[in-house]
N, C-alpha and C. Protein backbone atom coordinates (compact mmCIF):
# COMPACT_ATOMS: atom_id res chain seq x y z
N UNK A 1 -46.54 -41.64 20.26
CA UNK A 1 -46.59 -41.46 18.83
C UNK A 1 -45.53 -40.44 18.42
N UNK A 2 -44.80 -40.74 17.37
CA UNK A 2 -43.76 -39.84 16.91
C UNK A 2 -44.18 -39.30 15.54
N UNK A 3 -44.98 -38.22 15.54
CA UNK A 3 -45.49 -37.69 14.28
C UNK A 3 -44.83 -36.39 13.87
N UNK A 4 -43.96 -35.85 14.71
CA UNK A 4 -43.27 -34.61 14.37
C UNK A 4 -41.88 -34.99 13.85
N UNK A 5 -41.69 -34.91 12.53
CA UNK A 5 -40.39 -35.30 11.95
C UNK A 5 -39.25 -34.40 12.44
N UNK A 6 -38.03 -34.94 12.37
CA UNK A 6 -36.85 -34.18 12.79
C UNK A 6 -36.69 -32.90 11.99
N UNK A 7 -37.10 -32.91 10.71
CA UNK A 7 -36.98 -31.70 9.90
C UNK A 7 -37.81 -30.56 10.48
N UNK A 8 -38.97 -30.90 11.03
CA UNK A 8 -39.81 -29.86 11.64
C UNK A 8 -39.19 -29.39 12.95
N UNK A 9 -38.57 -30.29 13.67
CA UNK A 9 -37.89 -29.88 14.90
C UNK A 9 -36.79 -28.86 14.58
N UNK A 10 -36.07 -29.09 13.48
CA UNK A 10 -35.03 -28.14 13.06
C UNK A 10 -35.67 -26.83 12.62
N UNK A 11 -36.75 -26.93 11.85
CA UNK A 11 -37.43 -25.73 11.36
C UNK A 11 -37.93 -24.86 12.51
N UNK A 12 -38.33 -25.49 13.59
CA UNK A 12 -38.81 -24.76 14.76
C UNK A 12 -37.66 -24.29 15.64
N UNK A 13 -36.45 -24.65 15.26
CA UNK A 13 -35.25 -24.22 15.97
C UNK A 13 -35.23 -24.73 17.41
N UNK A 14 -35.66 -25.97 17.58
CA UNK A 14 -35.70 -26.56 18.92
C UNK A 14 -34.33 -26.95 19.43
N UNK A 15 -33.31 -26.89 18.56
CA UNK A 15 -31.95 -27.23 19.01
C UNK A 15 -31.47 -26.29 20.11
N UNK A 16 -32.06 -25.09 20.18
CA UNK A 16 -31.68 -24.13 21.21
C UNK A 16 -32.18 -24.56 22.60
N UNK A 17 -33.16 -25.43 22.62
CA UNK A 17 -33.76 -25.85 23.89
C UNK A 17 -32.98 -27.03 24.48
N UNK A 18 -33.14 -27.22 25.76
CA UNK A 18 -32.54 -28.39 26.40
C UNK A 18 -33.29 -29.63 25.90
N UNK A 19 -32.67 -30.80 26.02
CA UNK A 19 -33.36 -32.03 25.59
C UNK A 19 -34.72 -32.21 26.30
N UNK A 20 -34.79 -31.83 27.56
CA UNK A 20 -36.05 -31.95 28.30
C UNK A 20 -37.11 -31.01 27.73
N UNK A 21 -36.70 -29.77 27.41
CA UNK A 21 -37.62 -28.81 26.81
C UNK A 21 -38.07 -29.27 25.43
N UNK A 22 -37.12 -29.80 24.66
CA UNK A 22 -37.47 -30.32 23.33
C UNK A 22 -38.51 -31.42 23.45
N UNK A 23 -38.27 -32.33 24.37
CA UNK A 23 -39.19 -33.46 24.56
C UNK A 23 -40.58 -32.96 24.95
N UNK A 24 -40.64 -32.00 25.85
CA UNK A 24 -41.91 -31.46 26.29
C UNK A 24 -42.63 -30.72 25.16
N UNK A 25 -41.90 -29.88 24.42
CA UNK A 25 -42.50 -29.15 23.31
C UNK A 25 -43.01 -30.08 22.22
N UNK A 26 -42.22 -31.08 21.88
CA UNK A 26 -42.63 -32.04 20.84
C UNK A 26 -43.86 -32.81 21.32
N UNK A 27 -43.89 -33.21 22.57
CA UNK A 27 -45.06 -33.92 23.10
C UNK A 27 -46.31 -33.05 23.01
N UNK A 28 -46.17 -31.78 23.35
CA UNK A 28 -47.31 -30.87 23.28
C UNK A 28 -47.75 -30.64 21.83
N UNK A 29 -46.78 -30.50 20.92
CA UNK A 29 -47.11 -30.36 19.50
C UNK A 29 -47.84 -31.60 18.98
N UNK A 30 -47.35 -32.77 19.38
CA UNK A 30 -47.99 -34.01 18.94
C UNK A 30 -49.42 -34.10 19.46
N UNK A 31 -49.65 -33.69 20.70
CA UNK A 31 -51.02 -33.68 21.24
C UNK A 31 -51.91 -32.74 20.42
N UNK A 32 -51.40 -31.57 20.11
CA UNK A 32 -52.17 -30.61 19.30
C UNK A 32 -52.48 -31.19 17.92
N UNK A 33 -51.49 -31.82 17.31
CA UNK A 33 -51.69 -32.41 15.99
C UNK A 33 -52.73 -33.53 16.07
N UNK A 34 -52.63 -34.38 17.07
CA UNK A 34 -53.59 -35.47 17.22
C UNK A 34 -55.01 -34.94 17.36
N UNK A 35 -55.20 -33.90 18.16
CA UNK A 35 -56.53 -33.31 18.32
C UNK A 35 -57.02 -32.72 17.01
N UNK A 36 -56.14 -32.03 16.31
CA UNK A 36 -56.53 -31.42 15.04
C UNK A 36 -56.86 -32.50 14.00
N UNK A 37 -56.06 -33.56 13.93
CA UNK A 37 -56.32 -34.65 13.00
C UNK A 37 -57.69 -35.27 13.31
N UNK A 38 -57.95 -35.52 14.58
CA UNK A 38 -59.24 -36.10 14.96
C UNK A 38 -60.39 -35.21 14.51
N UNK A 39 -60.31 -33.94 14.80
CA UNK A 39 -61.38 -33.01 14.43
C UNK A 39 -61.57 -32.95 12.91
N UNK A 40 -60.46 -32.86 12.18
CA UNK A 40 -60.57 -32.75 10.72
C UNK A 40 -61.06 -34.05 10.09
N UNK A 41 -60.61 -35.19 10.62
CA UNK A 41 -61.09 -36.46 10.09
C UNK A 41 -62.59 -36.62 10.32
N UNK A 42 -63.04 -36.26 11.51
CA UNK A 42 -64.46 -36.37 11.81
C UNK A 42 -65.28 -35.48 10.89
N UNK A 43 -64.77 -34.31 10.57
CA UNK A 43 -65.46 -33.41 9.65
C UNK A 43 -65.54 -33.97 8.23
N UNK A 44 -64.55 -34.76 7.84
CA UNK A 44 -64.47 -35.23 6.46
C UNK A 44 -65.00 -36.65 6.24
N UNK A 45 -65.42 -37.33 7.29
CA UNK A 45 -65.90 -38.70 7.14
C UNK A 45 -67.18 -38.76 6.34
N UNK A 46 -67.26 -39.77 5.47
CA UNK A 46 -68.53 -40.00 4.79
C UNK A 46 -69.49 -40.64 5.79
N UNK A 47 -70.75 -40.70 5.44
CA UNK A 47 -71.79 -41.17 6.34
C UNK A 47 -71.52 -42.59 6.83
N UNK A 48 -71.12 -43.46 5.92
CA UNK A 48 -70.86 -44.86 6.27
C UNK A 48 -69.73 -44.99 7.30
N UNK A 49 -68.63 -44.28 7.06
CA UNK A 49 -67.49 -44.34 7.98
C UNK A 49 -67.84 -43.73 9.33
N UNK A 50 -68.60 -42.64 9.30
CA UNK A 50 -69.01 -41.99 10.55
C UNK A 50 -69.90 -42.92 11.37
N UNK A 51 -70.82 -43.61 10.71
CA UNK A 51 -71.71 -44.55 11.41
C UNK A 51 -70.91 -45.71 12.01
N UNK A 52 -69.96 -46.23 11.24
CA UNK A 52 -69.14 -47.34 11.75
C UNK A 52 -68.35 -46.90 12.98
N UNK A 53 -67.76 -45.71 12.91
CA UNK A 53 -67.01 -45.20 14.05
C UNK A 53 -67.93 -45.00 15.26
N UNK A 54 -69.10 -44.45 15.02
CA UNK A 54 -70.06 -44.22 16.10
C UNK A 54 -70.44 -45.54 16.77
N UNK A 55 -70.72 -46.58 15.98
CA UNK A 55 -71.08 -47.89 16.53
C UNK A 55 -69.93 -48.48 17.34
N UNK A 56 -68.72 -48.35 16.80
CA UNK A 56 -67.57 -48.87 17.53
C UNK A 56 -67.37 -48.13 18.86
N UNK A 57 -67.59 -46.82 18.84
CA UNK A 57 -67.41 -46.04 20.06
C UNK A 57 -68.47 -46.40 21.10
N UNK A 58 -69.64 -46.79 20.64
CA UNK A 58 -70.73 -47.14 21.56
C UNK A 58 -70.58 -48.55 22.11
N UNK A 59 -70.13 -49.49 21.27
CA UNK A 59 -70.14 -50.88 21.71
C UNK A 59 -68.82 -51.62 21.55
N UNK A 60 -67.87 -51.02 20.89
CA UNK A 60 -66.60 -51.69 20.66
C UNK A 60 -65.61 -51.43 21.78
N UNK A 61 -64.52 -52.17 21.74
CA UNK A 61 -63.46 -51.97 22.72
C UNK A 61 -62.61 -50.77 22.30
N UNK A 62 -61.83 -50.27 23.24
CA UNK A 62 -60.92 -49.17 22.92
C UNK A 62 -59.95 -49.57 21.80
N UNK A 63 -59.52 -50.83 21.82
CA UNK A 63 -58.60 -51.31 20.80
C UNK A 63 -59.24 -51.28 19.41
N UNK A 64 -60.54 -51.66 19.34
CA UNK A 64 -61.25 -51.65 18.05
C UNK A 64 -61.40 -50.22 17.53
N UNK A 65 -61.73 -49.31 18.43
CA UNK A 65 -61.89 -47.91 18.05
C UNK A 65 -60.55 -47.37 17.56
N UNK A 66 -59.48 -47.63 18.31
CA UNK A 66 -58.15 -47.16 17.93
C UNK A 66 -57.71 -47.73 16.59
N UNK A 67 -57.96 -49.02 16.38
CA UNK A 67 -57.57 -49.67 15.13
C UNK A 67 -58.33 -49.06 13.95
N UNK A 68 -59.62 -48.82 14.12
CA UNK A 68 -60.39 -48.23 13.02
C UNK A 68 -59.94 -46.80 12.76
N UNK A 69 -59.67 -46.07 13.83
CA UNK A 69 -59.22 -44.69 13.65
C UNK A 69 -57.87 -44.66 12.94
N UNK A 70 -56.97 -45.56 13.30
CA UNK A 70 -55.67 -45.65 12.63
C UNK A 70 -55.86 -45.96 11.15
N UNK A 71 -56.84 -46.81 10.84
CA UNK A 71 -57.14 -47.12 9.44
C UNK A 71 -57.61 -45.86 8.71
N UNK A 72 -58.45 -45.08 9.36
CA UNK A 72 -58.91 -43.83 8.76
C UNK A 72 -57.75 -42.86 8.53
N UNK A 73 -56.85 -42.77 9.50
CA UNK A 73 -55.70 -41.88 9.38
C UNK A 73 -54.81 -42.32 8.23
N UNK A 74 -54.57 -43.62 8.11
CA UNK A 74 -53.68 -44.10 7.04
C UNK A 74 -54.28 -43.83 5.66
N UNK A 75 -55.60 -43.77 5.56
CA UNK A 75 -56.26 -43.47 4.29
C UNK A 75 -56.32 -41.97 4.02
N UNK A 76 -56.03 -41.18 5.02
CA UNK A 76 -56.18 -39.73 4.91
C UNK A 76 -54.90 -39.01 5.32
N UNK A 77 -53.80 -39.40 4.71
CA UNK A 77 -52.50 -38.83 5.07
C UNK A 77 -52.44 -37.32 4.82
N UNK A 78 -53.21 -36.83 3.85
CA UNK A 78 -53.22 -35.39 3.59
C UNK A 78 -53.81 -34.63 4.78
N UNK A 79 -54.74 -35.25 5.50
CA UNK A 79 -55.30 -34.60 6.69
C UNK A 79 -54.23 -34.48 7.76
N UNK A 80 -53.43 -35.53 7.93
CA UNK A 80 -52.34 -35.51 8.90
C UNK A 80 -51.32 -34.44 8.52
N UNK A 81 -50.94 -34.41 7.24
CA UNK A 81 -49.96 -33.41 6.78
C UNK A 81 -50.49 -32.00 6.99
N UNK A 82 -51.75 -31.79 6.69
CA UNK A 82 -52.37 -30.46 6.87
C UNK A 82 -52.39 -30.08 8.35
N UNK A 83 -52.70 -31.04 9.21
CA UNK A 83 -52.74 -30.76 10.65
C UNK A 83 -51.35 -30.41 11.18
N UNK A 84 -50.33 -31.14 10.72
CA UNK A 84 -48.96 -30.83 11.15
C UNK A 84 -48.57 -29.44 10.67
N UNK A 85 -48.85 -29.15 9.41
CA UNK A 85 -48.49 -27.84 8.85
C UNK A 85 -49.15 -26.71 9.62
N UNK A 86 -50.45 -26.82 9.87
CA UNK A 86 -51.17 -25.76 10.59
C UNK A 86 -50.62 -25.58 12.01
N UNK A 87 -50.38 -26.69 12.67
CA UNK A 87 -49.90 -26.63 14.05
C UNK A 87 -48.51 -26.00 14.12
N UNK A 88 -47.63 -26.38 13.19
CA UNK A 88 -46.28 -25.82 13.16
C UNK A 88 -46.34 -24.32 12.85
N UNK A 89 -47.18 -23.93 11.91
CA UNK A 89 -47.32 -22.50 11.58
C UNK A 89 -47.80 -21.72 12.80
N UNK A 90 -48.77 -22.25 13.50
CA UNK A 90 -49.27 -21.57 14.70
C UNK A 90 -48.19 -21.49 15.77
N UNK A 91 -47.44 -22.57 15.94
CA UNK A 91 -46.36 -22.59 16.92
C UNK A 91 -45.32 -21.52 16.60
N UNK A 92 -44.96 -21.42 15.31
CA UNK A 92 -43.97 -20.42 14.90
C UNK A 92 -44.49 -19.01 15.16
N UNK A 93 -45.76 -18.79 14.88
CA UNK A 93 -46.36 -17.46 15.11
C UNK A 93 -46.34 -17.12 16.60
N UNK A 94 -46.72 -18.07 17.43
CA UNK A 94 -46.72 -17.83 18.88
C UNK A 94 -45.30 -17.61 19.37
N UNK A 95 -44.34 -18.38 18.84
CA UNK A 95 -42.94 -18.23 19.24
C UNK A 95 -42.44 -16.83 18.93
N UNK A 96 -42.79 -16.31 17.76
CA UNK A 96 -42.37 -14.96 17.39
C UNK A 96 -43.04 -13.93 18.31
N UNK A 97 -44.31 -14.14 18.58
CA UNK A 97 -45.07 -13.20 19.41
C UNK A 97 -44.49 -13.08 20.81
N UNK A 98 -44.07 -14.23 21.37
CA UNK A 98 -43.56 -14.18 22.75
C UNK A 98 -42.04 -14.09 22.80
N UNK A 99 -41.42 -13.97 21.62
CA UNK A 99 -39.98 -13.72 21.57
C UNK A 99 -39.09 -14.94 21.71
N UNK A 100 -39.60 -16.12 21.36
CA UNK A 100 -38.76 -17.32 21.43
C UNK A 100 -37.90 -17.51 20.20
N UNK A 101 -38.28 -16.88 19.10
CA UNK A 101 -37.47 -17.05 17.88
C UNK A 101 -37.21 -15.72 17.24
């Protein structure tokens, strides 16, 4: 999944890193964003959507669960944007703390 736009890569000053380091950092950021999106979406689901997801997770295939989750994400783009923003802010703070930027 490519959810970290190039503008954010520039904002994080990843150009200083080797291509391999950039790839690794972006992959880790994307994992963090995906986990945050999942947690925030689950917190915001209405009862009907939560029940449908629960049923799919219990008896549906992985593909059905993924497809429904993607549908939820597409309806909740603000959750994705918020997750990216929070993750990038945290990354920048940690980078400053450990002297990377």
